[in-house]
Amino acid sequence: MIENIHILNVSVVNEDEIYKADVSIKNGIISSIVPHSKKGNNQRDNFFITFSKVIDGSGLHLFPGVIDDQVHFREPGLVHKGDLYSESKAAVAGGVTSFMDMPNTVPNTITQNLLNDKYEEASKKSLANFSFYMGATNSNFEEIEKTDPKTVCGVKVFMGASTGNMLVDNIDSLKKIFSIKNLLIATHCEDENIIQRNIAKYKLKFGEDLPVEYHPLIRSREACYASTKLAIELATKYKTRLHVLHISTKDELSFFSNDIPLKDKLITAEVCVHHLIFNKSDYKRYGRLIKWNPAIKDKSDQKALLKALKNDTIDVLATDHAPHIYEEKQQPYFKAASGAPMVQHSLVSMLELYHKGNISLNTIVQKMCHAPAECFRIEKRGFIREGYYADLVLVDLNAPWTVTYDNILYKCKWSPLMGERFNSKVIHTFVNGNHVFDNGTFNEENKGQRLLFKGDR
């Protein structure tokens, strides 16, 4: 049963404003937003009659639910690392109310039947709203063509090999995929030939146990630049709707613009939280725990990416949440898994940058909530607006806590942020009006919904 909820005296962070308001939720939808500056004297007299739950938001900030456009929840086939239930639970505890999951599961999501199977499982298990990418290979063009842009977030093209075996390296296949109209193409851009040359070079020098500090030299800036350049050229030629995932270098920023509104862009870019909070000097402390593809690179890249996020050269902020069991991360370099869990800690990590004066609350909301909704043209989500789904997060900006084994909700039970102290805490999360997370307690009665999209993309 969905409760009708009234949130009082909360500081709303939405669409470049922060203001005190009362917000009402009825039947899973935001029914009213009453700024205190416009509230009549009798506004509060009769809400107790119509609302089954009242939450005092005094001292709290209300954000739209975070939309994470890049996660790996590992189901099916890799559920020893994570699954739709465990990782969506971690997501809502971190303020993430919607996610878009990648196709490099086992089996790879490269047919419509396999794609539909994932949607069916998510409808039974996921506490957050969901969408799944259709996976591309060198030979599944007919299956890709069947993808419905109104019900599927996009097509994922691995233009560099990462976790899994979905490398699309045939130029004719790439041309066919990029020529499809109305589908959003999301790319992982790292040039595989350059990476393989770097591997051969450093194996000759170090053997199999390469120090992880060399990871950004193997998965190099040259590899990222060359692959992103190719993706941009193809998208420009075919007028493709292209979204380049996890930009990791300052060099790639030259391919993207900030001179037109996001809604009018055909080519967009994403950065991940870990490329903003880590740089290559952190390999000494964290080792292979922060081995990601693309690699974490120089401090100058870290600074340039944050600047590009704030000036709208980069459009979207996500996680690339990728859980592995701890032992898989502790193997020698070439065998150690790439990727790490982040979805429970993405919002609070960005709020730490806010506390340090490096980013505003409005920019965090723009890049984690509004922009994914605009970029993917998601129906009625990503904003605090009357008539929109009540995907909402209440945050206490002054509630210090520390990441420990006991409060990590990832199935893999580790985080590179173990022991980190955060100043902000997610207190409540609402998904479609359901009060799913209440300061450590979960209500799992209702599951998330399939995301829907405006078809002309």
Protein backbone atom coordinates (compact mmCIF):
# COMPACT_ATOMS: atom_id res chain seq x y z
CA MET A 1 0.00 0.00 0.00
CA ILE A 2 1.31 3.45 -0.99
CA GLU A 3 0.97 6.02 1.78
CA ASN A 4 0.04 9.64 1.20
CA ILE A 5 2.90 11.62 2.69
CA HIS A 6 3.45 15.21 3.68
CA ILE A 7 7.01 16.51 4.14
CA LEU A 8 7.13 19.71 6.19
CA ASN A 9 9.70 22.51 6.54
CA VAL A 10 12.23 21.01 4.15
CA SER A 11 14.87 22.82 2.09
CA VAL A 12 14.12 21.87 -1.51
CA VAL A 13 17.12 21.69 -3.87
CA ASN A 14 15.76 21.73 -7.39
CA GLU A 15 16.23 23.51 -10.73
CA ASP A 16 18.92 25.93 -9.51
CA GLU A 17 16.98 26.99 -6.42
CA ILE A 18 17.07 26.18 -2.72
CA TYR A 19 13.98 27.17 -0.77
CA LYS A 20 11.89 26.11 2.22
CA ALA A 21 8.67 24.30 1.33
CA ASP A 22 6.11 21.67 2.24
CA VAL A 23 5.89 18.82 -0.29
CA SER A 24 2.97 16.41 -0.60
CA ILE A 25 2.91 12.93 -2.15
CA LYS A 26 -0.35 11.27 -3.19
CA ASN A 27 -0.64 7.91 -4.97
CA GLY A 28 3.08 7.89 -5.70
CA ILE A 29 3.06 11.31 -7.39
CA ILE A 30 4.23 14.71 -6.17
CA SER A 31 0.85 16.37 -5.68
CA SER A 32 1.91 19.76 -4.36
CA ILE A 33 4.98 21.87 -3.62
CA VAL A 34 4.17 24.85 -1.42
CA PRO A 35 7.08 27.25 -0.83
CA HIS A 36 6.84 28.84 2.59
CA SER A 37 6.97 32.27 0.96
CA LYS A 38 3.64 31.48 -0.77
CA LYS A 39 1.92 29.42 1.92
CA GLY A 40 -1.40 30.67 3.30
CA ASN A 41 -2.14 30.74 7.00
CA ASN A 42 -4.53 27.78 6.76
CA GLN A 43 -2.20 25.62 4.67
CA ARG A 44 -1.23 23.41 7.60
CA ASP A 45 -4.63 23.11 9.25
CA ASN A 46 -6.11 20.23 7.29
CA PHE A 47 -3.20 18.16 6.00
CA PHE A 48 -3.39 15.80 9.00
CA ILE A 49 -6.79 14.65 7.73
CA THR A 50 -5.62 13.66 4.24
CA PHE A 51 -2.07 12.38 4.81
CA SER A 52 -1.30 9.09 6.49
CA LYS A 53 2.33 10.03 7.20
CA VAL A 54 3.87 13.35 8.12
CA ILE A 55 7.64 13.86 8.10
CA ASP A 56 9.24 16.92 9.65
CA GLY A 57 11.99 17.92 7.25
CA SER A 58 13.37 20.69 9.45
CA GLY A 59 17.13 20.85 9.02
CA LEU A 60 17.03 18.46 6.04
CA HIS A 61 17.46 18.99 2.30
CA LEU A 62 15.13 17.39 -0.26
CA PHE A 63 16.75 16.26 -3.52
CA PRO A 64 15.21 14.55 -6.53
CA GLY A 65 16.16 10.88 -6.55
CA VAL A 66 19.56 10.25 -8.14
CA ILE A 67 19.46 8.60 -11.59
CA ASP A 68 22.58 6.51 -12.21
CA ASP A 69 23.00 5.87 -15.93
CA GLN A 70 25.80 3.30 -15.59
CA VAL A 71 25.79 0.35 -13.19
CA HIS A 72 26.71 -3.33 -13.27
CA PHE A 73 24.37 -5.15 -10.89
CA ARG A 74 25.75 -8.51 -12.14
CA GLU A 75 22.52 -10.43 -12.67
CA PRO A 76 22.30 -12.89 -14.35
CA GLY A 77 25.33 -15.13 -14.12
CA LEU A 78 27.62 -13.16 -11.80
CA VAL A 79 25.46 -13.06 -8.71
CA HIS A 80 28.33 -14.01 -6.39
CA LYS A 81 29.41 -10.36 -6.90
CA GLY A 82 26.01 -8.67 -6.68
CA ASP A 83 22.41 -9.02 -7.80
CA LEU A 84 19.38 -6.90 -8.59
CA TYR A 85 18.09 -7.06 -5.03
CA SER A 86 21.32 -6.44 -3.11
CA GLU A 87 22.65 -3.65 -5.30
CA SER A 88 19.31 -1.85 -5.67
CA LYS A 89 19.02 -1.95 -1.87
CA ALA A 90 22.45 -0.34 -1.59
CA ALA A 91 21.38 2.18 -4.23
CA VAL A 92 18.28 3.43 -2.42
CA ALA A 93 20.25 3.65 0.84
CA GLY A 94 22.56 6.00 -1.05
CA GLY A 95 19.75 8.10 -2.53
CA VAL A 96 19.76 6.46 -5.98
CA THR A 97 16.15 5.85 -7.04
CA SER A 98 16.72 4.80 -10.69
CA PHE A 99 19.49 2.93 -12.47
CA MET A 100 20.49 1.80 -15.96
CA ASP A 101 22.27 -1.55 -15.97
CA MET A 102 24.92 -2.79 -18.38
CA PRO A 103 24.73 -5.86 -20.67
CA ASN A 104 28.04 -7.62 -19.86
CA THR A 105 26.37 -10.22 -17.66
CA VAL A 106 26.40 -14.00 -18.22
CA PRO A 107 24.97 -14.53 -20.72
CA ASN A 108 25.62 -11.19 -22.39
CA THR A 109 22.42 -9.23 -22.98
CA ILE A 110 22.60 -9.32 -26.78
CA THR A 111 19.15 -10.60 -27.75
CA GLN A 112 15.71 -9.18 -27.11
CA ASN A 113 14.71 -12.32 -25.22
CA LEU A 114 17.64 -11.97 -22.81
CA LEU A 115 16.90 -8.27 -22.42
CA ASN A 116 13.27 -8.98 -21.56
CA ASP A 117 14.35 -11.62 -19.04
CA LYS A 118 16.31 -8.97 -17.13
CA TYR A 119 13.32 -6.65 -17.04
CA GLU A 120 11.17 -9.47 -15.71
CA GLU A 121 13.64 -10.26 -12.93
CA ALA A 122 14.01 -6.61 -11.96
CA SER A 123 10.24 -6.21 -11.64
CA LYS A 124 10.33 -8.90 -8.94
CA LYS A 125 13.52 -7.90 -7.11
CA SER A 126 14.61 -4.30 -7.57
CA LEU A 127 13.82 -1.72 -4.89
CA ALA A 128 14.77 1.07 -7.32
CA ASN A 129 13.43 1.96 -10.77
CA PHE A 130 15.33 0.31 -13.59
CA SER A 131 16.31 0.16 -17.21
CA PHE A 132 18.71 -2.13 -19.07
CA TYR A 133 20.95 -1.47 -22.04
CA MET A 134 20.80 -3.68 -25.09
CA GLY A 135 24.31 -4.99 -25.74
CA ALA A 136 26.07 -4.69 -29.08
CA THR A 137 28.44 -7.16 -30.69
CA ASN A 138 30.05 -7.36 -34.11
CA SER A 139 27.20 -9.57 -35.34
CA ASN A 140 23.87 -8.87 -33.58
CA PHE A 141 22.68 -5.90 -35.63
CA GLU A 142 19.23 -7.40 -36.30
CA GLU A 143 18.61 -7.79 -32.56
CA ILE A 144 19.77 -4.22 -31.89
CA GLU A 145 17.37 -2.88 -34.52
CA LYS A 146 14.41 -4.36 -32.61
CA THR A 147 15.15 -2.27 -29.49
CA ASP A 148 12.26 -0.01 -28.49
CA PRO A 149 13.56 3.49 -27.62
CA LYS A 150 10.47 4.19 -25.50
CA THR A 151 11.14 1.31 -23.10
CA VAL A 152 14.93 0.75 -23.27
CA CYS A 153 17.53 3.33 -22.21
CA GLY A 154 19.93 2.65 -25.07
CA VAL A 155 22.45 0.39 -26.77
CA LYS A 156 25.83 -0.19 -25.10
CA VAL A 157 28.85 -0.45 -27.37
CA PHE A 158 32.15 -1.56 -25.85
CA MET A 159 34.66 0.13 -28.17
CA GLY A 160 37.31 -1.09 -25.75
CA ALA A 161 37.38 -4.49 -24.05
CA SER A 162 36.60 -4.29 -20.35
CA THR A 163 34.83 -6.80 -18.09
CA GLY A 164 33.30 -9.42 -20.39
CA ASN A 165 33.69 -10.33 -24.05
CA MET A 166 31.68 -7.72 -25.91
CA LEU A 167 34.36 -5.77 -27.79
CA VAL A 168 32.97 -4.25 -31.00
CA ASP A 169 36.06 -3.65 -33.12
CA ASN A 170 34.79 -4.21 -36.67
CA ILE A 171 34.45 -0.82 -38.35
CA ASP A 172 31.64 -2.00 -40.61
CA SER A 173 29.70 -3.24 -37.58
CA LEU A 174 30.25 0.09 -35.84
CA LYS A 175 29.00 1.99 -38.88
CA LYS A 176 25.82 -0.08 -38.98
CA ILE A 177 25.16 0.40 -35.27
CA PHE A 178 25.79 4.14 -35.41
CA SER A 179 23.45 4.48 -38.39
CA ILE A 180 20.38 3.36 -36.39
CA LYS A 181 17.96 6.24 -35.85
CA ASN A 182 16.24 7.21 -32.57
CA LEU A 183 18.31 4.89 -30.37
CA LEU A 184 20.78 6.34 -27.87
CA ILE A 185 24.22 4.76 -28.28
CA ALA A 186 26.33 4.67 -25.10
CA THR A 187 30.00 3.88 -25.55
CA HIS A 188 32.94 2.64 -23.51
CA CYS A 189 35.83 4.27 -25.39
CA GLU A 190 39.33 2.79 -25.10
CA ASP A 191 41.32 1.73 -28.17
CA GLU A 192 42.10 -1.97 -27.81
CA ASN A 193 45.10 -1.98 -30.16
CA ILE A 194 46.84 0.73 -28.15
CA ILE A 195 46.07 -1.11 -24.89
CA GLN A 196 47.49 -4.37 -26.22
CA ARG A 197 50.69 -2.65 -27.33
CA ASN A 198 51.05 -1.13 -23.88
CA ILE A 199 50.46 -4.52 -22.23
CA ALA A 200 53.19 -6.12 -24.34
CA LYS A 201 55.60 -3.29 -23.49
CA TYR A 202 55.10 -3.43 -19.73
CA LYS A 203 54.92 -7.22 -19.50
CA LEU A 204 58.35 -7.33 -21.12
CA LYS A 205 59.62 -5.00 -18.39
CA PHE A 206 57.77 -6.29 -15.29
CA GLY A 207 56.29 -9.68 -16.12
CA GLU A 208 52.84 -10.65 -14.84
CA ASP A 209 52.93 -8.74 -11.54
CA LEU A 210 52.91 -5.18 -12.82
CA PRO A 211 52.57 -2.48 -10.13
CA VAL A 212 49.04 -1.08 -10.31
CA GLU A 213 50.47 2.43 -10.61
CA TYR A 214 51.10 1.56 -14.26
CA HIS A 215 47.40 0.98 -14.94
CA PRO A 216 46.91 4.51 -16.39
CA LEU A 217 49.88 3.90 -18.68
CA ILE A 218 48.43 0.65 -20.01
CA ARG A 219 44.87 1.92 -20.35
CA SER A 220 46.38 5.20 -21.42
CA ARG A 221 45.08 8.63 -22.27
CA GLU A 222 46.06 7.93 -25.89
CA ALA A 223 43.79 4.87 -25.90
CA CYS A 224 40.89 6.90 -24.52
CA TYR A 225 41.44 9.80 -26.91
CA ALA A 226 41.69 7.66 -30.04
CA SER A 227 38.55 5.67 -29.27
CA THR A 228 36.47 8.70 -28.25
CA LYS A 229 37.61 10.46 -31.42
CA LEU A 230 36.34 7.54 -33.52
CA ALA A 231 32.99 7.49 -31.70
CA ILE A 232 32.55 11.23 -32.24
CA GLU A 233 33.41 10.92 -35.93
CA LEU A 234 30.88 8.13 -36.42
CA ALA A 235 28.17 9.94 -34.48
CA THR A 236 28.78 13.14 -36.43
CA LYS A 237 28.64 11.32 -39.77
CA TYR A 238 25.41 9.46 -39.01
CA LYS A 239 23.82 12.13 -36.75
CA THR A 240 23.69 9.54 -33.96
CA ARG A 241 22.47 10.25 -30.44
CA LEU A 242 25.78 9.42 -28.69
CA HIS A 243 26.53 9.34 -24.96
CA VAL A 244 30.20 8.75 -24.12
CA LEU A 245 30.56 7.09 -20.73
CA HIS A 246 33.19 7.63 -18.01
CA ILE A 247 35.41 10.31 -19.54
CA SER A 248 38.73 10.07 -17.70
CA THR A 249 41.13 12.54 -19.35
CA LYS A 250 41.35 16.27 -19.91
CA ASP A 251 42.34 15.50 -23.53
CA GLU A 252 38.90 14.11 -24.41
CA LEU A 253 37.11 17.25 -23.24
CA SER A 254 37.93 18.98 -26.54
CA PHE A 255 35.34 16.75 -28.24
CA PHE A 256 32.42 18.12 -26.22
CA SER A 257 30.70 21.49 -26.07
CA ASN A 258 28.84 23.59 -23.53
CA ASP A 259 27.43 26.18 -25.91
CA ILE A 260 24.00 24.62 -26.44
CA PRO A 261 21.37 23.36 -23.96
CA LEU A 262 21.54 19.69 -22.99
CA LYS A 263 18.12 19.02 -24.52
CA ASP A 264 19.52 20.02 -27.93
CA LYS A 265 22.78 18.06 -27.77
CA LEU A 266 23.25 14.99 -29.95
CA ILE A 267 26.61 14.16 -28.37
CA THR A 268 26.92 14.10 -24.58
CA ALA A 269 29.47 13.02 -21.99
CA GLU A 270 29.49 11.41 -18.56
CA VAL A 271 32.05 11.41 -15.76
CA CYS A 272 32.12 8.98 -12.86
CA VAL A 273 32.47 9.81 -9.18
CA HIS A 274 35.75 7.91 -8.80
CA HIS A 275 37.45 10.03 -11.47
CA LEU A 276 36.56 13.10 -9.40
CA ILE A 277 37.56 11.87 -5.93
CA PHE A 278 40.73 9.90 -6.80
CA ASN A 279 43.87 10.53 -8.87
CA LYS A 280 46.91 8.38 -9.64
CA SER A 281 48.67 9.34 -6.38
CA ASP A 282 45.96 7.31 -4.59
CA TYR A 283 47.18 3.99 -6.06
CA LYS A 284 49.83 3.88 -3.33
CA ARG A 285 47.16 3.87 -0.63
CA TYR A 286 44.33 1.89 -2.25
CA GLY A 287 46.20 -0.35 -4.70
CA ARG A 288 44.07 -2.54 -6.96
CA LEU A 289 40.90 -1.56 -5.05
CA ILE A 290 40.78 1.52 -7.31
CA LYS A 291 41.67 -0.31 -10.51
CA TRP A 292 38.94 0.83 -12.90
CA ASN A 293 38.58 0.86 -16.68
CA PRO A 294 39.14 3.55 -17.86
CA ALA A 295 41.93 4.09 -15.37
CA ILE A 296 42.12 6.82 -12.76
CA LYS A 297 44.71 9.22 -14.13
CA ASP A 298 46.58 12.42 -13.23
CA LYS A 299 45.56 15.07 -10.74
CA SER A 300 45.39 17.50 -13.66
CA ASP A 301 42.79 15.23 -15.27
CA GLN A 302 40.83 15.07 -12.00
CA LYS A 303 40.75 18.88 -11.77
CA ALA A 304 39.84 19.32 -15.44
CA LEU A 305 36.98 16.82 -15.21
CA LEU A 306 35.45 18.59 -12.22
CA LYS A 307 35.74 21.93 -13.99
CA ALA A 308 34.13 20.46 -17.12
CA LEU A 309 31.30 19.03 -15.06
CA LYS A 310 30.60 22.42 -13.51
CA ASN A 311 30.75 24.35 -16.81
CA ASP A 312 28.47 21.87 -18.65
CA THR A 313 31.10 20.44 -20.98
CA ILE A 314 30.38 17.14 -19.19
CA ASP A 315 26.66 16.55 -18.84
CA VAL A 316 26.06 13.62 -16.47
CA LEU A 317 27.60 12.24 -13.27
CA ALA A 318 27.35 8.48 -12.59
CA THR A 319 29.17 5.62 -10.84
CA ASP A 320 29.99 2.69 -13.14
CA HIS A 321 29.14 0.67 -10.02
CA ALA A 322 30.94 -2.65 -10.56
CA PRO A 323 31.14 -5.01 -7.58
CA HIS A 324 33.69 -7.84 -7.42
CA ILE A 325 34.43 -10.11 -4.51
CA TYR A 326 37.42 -8.87 -2.53
CA GLU A 327 39.66 -11.78 -3.54
CA GLU A 328 39.17 -10.91 -7.21
CA LYS A 329 40.64 -7.48 -6.55
CA GLN A 330 43.70 -8.88 -4.75
CA GLN A 331 45.06 -10.93 -7.64
CA PRO A 332 48.28 -9.94 -9.47
CA TYR A 333 47.75 -6.92 -11.70
CA PHE A 334 46.78 -8.61 -14.96
CA LYS A 335 44.35 -10.95 -13.21
CA ALA A 336 42.89 -8.44 -10.75
CA ALA A 337 39.33 -7.45 -11.64
CA SER A 338 38.66 -3.88 -12.78
CA GLY A 339 35.81 -1.96 -11.19
CA ALA A 340 34.50 -1.28 -7.71
CA PRO A 341 31.18 -0.77 -5.90
CA MET A 342 30.11 2.87 -5.54
CA VAL A 343 26.33 3.30 -5.82
CA GLN A 344 25.68 3.48 -2.06
CA HIS A 345 28.30 6.21 -1.62
CA SER A 346 28.06 8.33 -4.78
CA LEU A 347 25.81 11.08 -3.47
CA VAL A 348 27.58 11.45 -0.12
CA SER A 349 30.95 11.48 -1.93
CA MET A 350 29.81 14.42 -4.03
CA LEU A 351 28.43 16.12 -0.93
CA GLU A 352 31.93 15.92 0.55
CA LEU A 353 33.13 17.99 -2.41
CA TYR A 354 30.33 20.42 -1.57
CA HIS A 355 31.53 20.65 2.05
CA LYS A 356 35.03 21.40 0.74
CA GLY A 357 33.67 24.24 -1.41
CA ASN A 358 34.42 22.49 -4.71
CA ILE A 359 30.86 22.16 -6.05
CA SER A 360 27.41 23.54 -5.26
CA LEU A 361 24.35 21.60 -4.14
CA ASN A 362 22.50 22.79 -7.24
CA THR A 363 25.23 21.47 -9.53
CA ILE A 364 25.19 18.08 -7.80
CA VAL A 365 21.43 17.86 -8.32
CA GLN A 366 21.74 19.06 -11.90
CA LYS A 367 24.31 16.43 -12.85
CA MET A 368 23.02 13.46 -10.84
CA CYS A 369 19.25 14.00 -11.18
CA HIS A 370 18.12 16.55 -13.77
CA ALA A 371 20.73 15.87 -16.48
CA PRO A 372 20.28 12.07 -16.69
CA ALA A 373 16.53 12.62 -17.04
CA GLU A 374 17.09 15.18 -19.80
CA CYS A 375 19.87 13.29 -21.54
CA PHE A 376 17.91 10.04 -21.74
CA ARG A 377 14.55 11.87 -21.99
CA ILE A 378 13.03 9.93 -19.13
CA GLU A 379 9.33 10.35 -18.53
CA LYS A 380 8.41 12.38 -15.40
CA ARG A 381 11.49 11.78 -13.27
CA GLY A 382 14.62 13.63 -12.22
CA PHE A 383 12.91 16.79 -10.96
CA ILE A 384 10.81 17.87 -8.00
CA ARG A 385 7.74 18.92 -9.94
CA GLU A 386 4.03 18.54 -9.37
CA GLY A 387 2.75 15.60 -11.41
CA TYR A 388 6.13 13.84 -11.46
CA TYR A 389 6.85 10.51 -9.79
CA ALA A 390 7.81 10.99 -6.15
CA ASP A 391 11.41 9.82 -6.41
CA LEU A 392 12.87 11.86 -3.57
CA VAL A 393 15.77 11.87 -1.12
CA LEU A 394 15.99 13.59 2.26
CA VAL A 395 19.57 14.33 3.30
CA ASP A 396 21.06 15.65 6.52
CA LEU A 397 24.11 17.69 5.54
CA ASN A 398 25.37 17.68 9.14
CA ALA A 399 25.22 14.04 10.24
CA PRO A 400 28.77 12.61 10.29
CA TRP A 401 29.23 8.87 9.86
CA THR A 402 31.95 6.44 8.84
CA VAL A 403 31.88 3.64 6.26
CA THR A 404 32.29 0.29 8.03
CA TYR A 405 31.80 -3.34 7.17
CA ASP A 406 28.51 -3.32 9.08
CA ASN A 407 26.90 -0.51 7.09
CA ILE A 408 28.07 -1.56 3.62
CA LEU A 409 25.09 -3.04 1.77
CA TYR A 410 26.86 -4.27 -1.36
CA LYS A 411 26.76 -8.04 -1.68
CA CYS A 412 30.56 -8.06 -2.03
CA LYS A 413 30.80 -6.35 1.43
CA TRP A 414 33.72 -4.05 0.69
CA SER A 415 34.31 -0.55 -0.60
CA PRO A 416 37.42 1.47 -1.48
CA LEU A 417 35.85 4.04 0.86
CA MET A 418 36.04 1.77 3.90
CA GLY A 419 36.95 3.91 6.91
CA GLU A 420 36.05 7.18 5.16
CA ARG A 421 34.14 9.73 7.25
CA PHE A 422 31.28 11.53 5.54
CA ASN A 423 29.63 14.68 6.83
CA SER A 424 26.29 14.08 5.08
CA LYS A 425 23.86 11.21 5.43
CA VAL A 426 20.86 9.97 3.45
CA ILE A 427 17.94 9.80 5.92
CA HIS A 428 14.92 8.94 3.75
CA THR A 429 14.49 7.66 0.18
CA PHE A 430 11.17 7.53 -1.66
CA VAL A 431 10.73 5.52 -4.88
CA ASN A 432 7.45 6.20 -6.73
CA GLY A 433 6.14 7.58 -3.44
CA ASN A 434 7.07 4.44 -1.51
CA HIS A 435 9.05 5.21 1.65
CA VAL A 436 11.64 2.53 0.85
CA PHE A 437 14.48 3.73 3.12
CA ASP A 438 13.87 5.24 6.55
CA ASN A 439 17.17 5.96 8.33
CA GLY A 440 18.47 2.40 8.09
CA THR A 441 15.14 0.56 7.87
CA PHE A 442 13.80 -0.74 4.55
CA ASN A 443 10.23 -1.19 3.36
CA GLU A 444 10.47 -3.80 0.59
CA GLU A 445 6.76 -4.29 -0.01
CA ASN A 446 6.74 -2.38 -3.31
CA LYS A 447 9.30 -2.79 -6.07
CA GLY A 448 10.64 -0.21 -8.50
CA GLN A 449 9.19 0.48 -11.92
CA ARG A 450 10.54 0.19 -15.45
CA LEU A 451 11.72 3.57 -16.73
CA LEU A 452 9.94 4.92 -19.78
CA PHE A 453 11.40 7.34 -22.33
CA LYS A 454 10.26 9.84 -24.90
CA GLY A 455 10.68 7.84 -28.08
CA ASP A 456 12.22 10.46 -30.38
CA ARG A 457 15.84 10.36 -29.26
